[in-house]
C-alpha atoms as a PDB file:
ATOM      1  CA  MET A   1     -22.933   0.590  -8.136  1.00  0.00           C
ATOM      2  CA  ALA A   2     -19.536   1.116  -9.765  1.00  0.00           C
ATOM      3  CA  LYS A   3     -16.909  -1.540  -9.281  1.00  0.00           C
ATOM      4  CA  ARG A   4     -14.120  -0.478  -6.912  1.00  0.00           C
ATOM      5  CA  LEU A   5     -10.574  -0.439  -8.209  1.00  0.00           C
ATOM      6  CA  ARG A   6      -8.137  -2.876  -6.601  1.00  0.00           C
ATOM      7  CA  LEU A   7      -4.786  -1.231  -6.098  1.00  0.00           C
ATOM      8  CA  ALA A   8      -1.266  -2.483  -5.476  1.00  0.00           C
ATOM      9  CA  VAL A   9       1.011   0.119  -3.909  1.00  0.00           C
ATOM     10  CA  LEU A  10       4.796   0.068  -4.306  1.00  0.00           C
ATOM     11  CA  LEU A  11       6.853   1.860  -1.675  1.00  0.00           C
ATOM     12  CA  SER A  12      10.333   2.093  -0.222  1.00  0.00           C
ATOM     13  CA  GLY A  13       9.937   4.567   2.620  1.00  0.00           C
ATOM     14  CA  GLY A  14       7.379   6.125   4.888  1.00  0.00           C
ATOM     15  CA  GLY A  15       4.323   5.292   2.848  1.00  0.00           C
ATOM     16  CA  THR A  16       2.815   8.776   2.775  1.00  0.00           C
ATOM     17  CA  THR A  17       1.245   8.133  -0.617  1.00  0.00           C
ATOM     18  CA  LEU A  18      -0.219   4.890   0.728  1.00  0.00           C
ATOM     19  CA  GLN A  19      -1.667   6.783   3.692  1.00  0.00           C
ATOM     20  CA  ASN A  20      -3.140   9.398   1.364  1.00  0.00           C
ATOM     21  CA  LEU A  21      -4.840   6.663  -0.676  1.00  0.00           C
ATOM     22  CA  LEU A  22      -6.160   4.974   2.470  1.00  0.00           C
ATOM     23  CA  ASP A  23      -7.528   8.287   3.763  1.00  0.00           C
ATOM     24  CA  HIS A  24      -9.256   9.062   0.451  1.00  0.00           C
ATOM     25  CA  ILE A  25     -10.799   5.581   0.393  1.00  0.00           C
ATOM     26  CA  ALA A  26     -11.975   5.867   4.003  1.00  0.00           C
ATOM     27  CA  ASP A  27     -13.738   9.171   3.468  1.00  0.00           C
ATOM     28  CA  GLY A  28     -15.332   8.136   0.165  1.00  0.00           C
ATOM     29  CA  ARG A  29     -13.302  10.360  -2.164  1.00  0.00           C
ATOM     30  CA  LEU A  30     -11.811   7.315  -3.902  1.00  0.00           C
ATOM     31  CA  SER A  31     -13.785   4.213  -4.859  1.00  0.00           C
ATOM     32  CA  ALA A  32     -10.993   1.687  -4.472  1.00  0.00           C
ATOM     33  CA  GLU A  33      -9.298  -0.746  -2.138  1.00  0.00           C
ATOM     34  CA  VAL A  34      -5.617  -1.305  -1.509  1.00  0.00           C
ATOM     35  CA  ALA A  35      -5.184  -5.048  -2.072  1.00  0.00           C
ATOM     36  CA  VAL A  36      -1.444  -5.331  -1.458  1.00  0.00           C
ATOM     37  CA  VAL A  37       1.596  -3.253  -0.591  1.00  0.00           C
ATOM     38  CA  VAL A  38       5.039  -4.196  -1.890  1.00  0.00           C
ATOM     39  CA  SER A  39       8.276  -2.710  -0.614  1.00  0.00           C
ATOM     40  CA  SER A  40      11.897  -3.070  -1.641  1.00  0.00           C
ATOM     41  CA  ARG A  41      12.942  -2.385   1.971  1.00  0.00           C
ATOM     42  CA  ALA A  42      11.953  -4.528   4.941  1.00  0.00           C
ATOM     43  CA  ASP A  43      12.365  -1.549   7.296  1.00  0.00           C
ATOM     44  CA  ALA A  44      10.076   0.794   5.343  1.00  0.00           C
ATOM     45  CA  TYR A  45       7.554   2.416   7.682  1.00  0.00           C
ATOM     46  CA  GLY A  46       4.955   2.134   4.923  1.00  0.00           C
ATOM     47  CA  LEU A  47       4.776  -1.604   5.630  1.00  0.00           C
ATOM     48  CA  GLU A  48       3.659  -0.824   9.169  1.00  0.00           C
ATOM     49  CA  ARG A  49       1.014   1.560   7.821  1.00  0.00           C
ATOM     50  CA  ALA A  50      -0.260  -1.245   5.587  1.00  0.00           C
ATOM     51  CA  ARG A  51      -0.366  -3.767   8.431  1.00  0.00           C
ATOM     52  CA  ARG A  52      -2.259  -1.333  10.669  1.00  0.00           C
ATOM     53  CA  ALA A  53      -4.815  -0.870   7.885  1.00  0.00           C
ATOM     54  CA  GLY A  54      -5.209  -4.631   7.457  1.00  0.00           C
ATOM     55  CA  VAL A  55      -3.591  -4.654   4.023  1.00  0.00           C
ATOM     56  CA  ALA A  56      -1.321  -7.523   2.964  1.00  0.00           C
ATOM     57  CA  ALA A  57       2.276  -6.291   2.876  1.00  0.00           C
ATOM     58  CA  VAL A  58       5.350  -7.997   1.436  1.00  0.00           C
ATOM     59  CA  THR A  59       9.010  -7.190   0.878  1.00  0.00           C
ATOM     60  CA  VAL A  60      10.816  -8.099  -2.321  1.00  0.00           C
ATOM     61  CA  ALA A  61      14.584  -7.647  -2.216  1.00  0.00           C
ATOM     62  CA  ARG A  62      15.737  -5.582  -5.203  1.00  0.00           C
ATOM     63  CA  LYS A  63      18.951  -7.548  -5.671  1.00  0.00           C
ATOM     64  CA  SER A  64      17.102 -10.860  -5.979  1.00  0.00           C
ATOM     65  CA  HIS A  65      15.400  -9.610  -9.168  1.00  0.00           C
ATOM     66  CA  SER A  66      18.148  -7.582 -10.861  1.00  0.00           C
END
């Protein structure tokens, strides 16, 4: 059995790409797992998508790392 890829997803908005990845994983089109989601915005809806999927989600303020 092939080893599944572990993915980290970066987002700053709605998380539609995250949702697409989660959907492809769920239906077997992608052999991977989303291990963590990182956002530059605490209010990004993509963080809620991650939480609903049981994926660890964190916010990193852009200005703290400039």
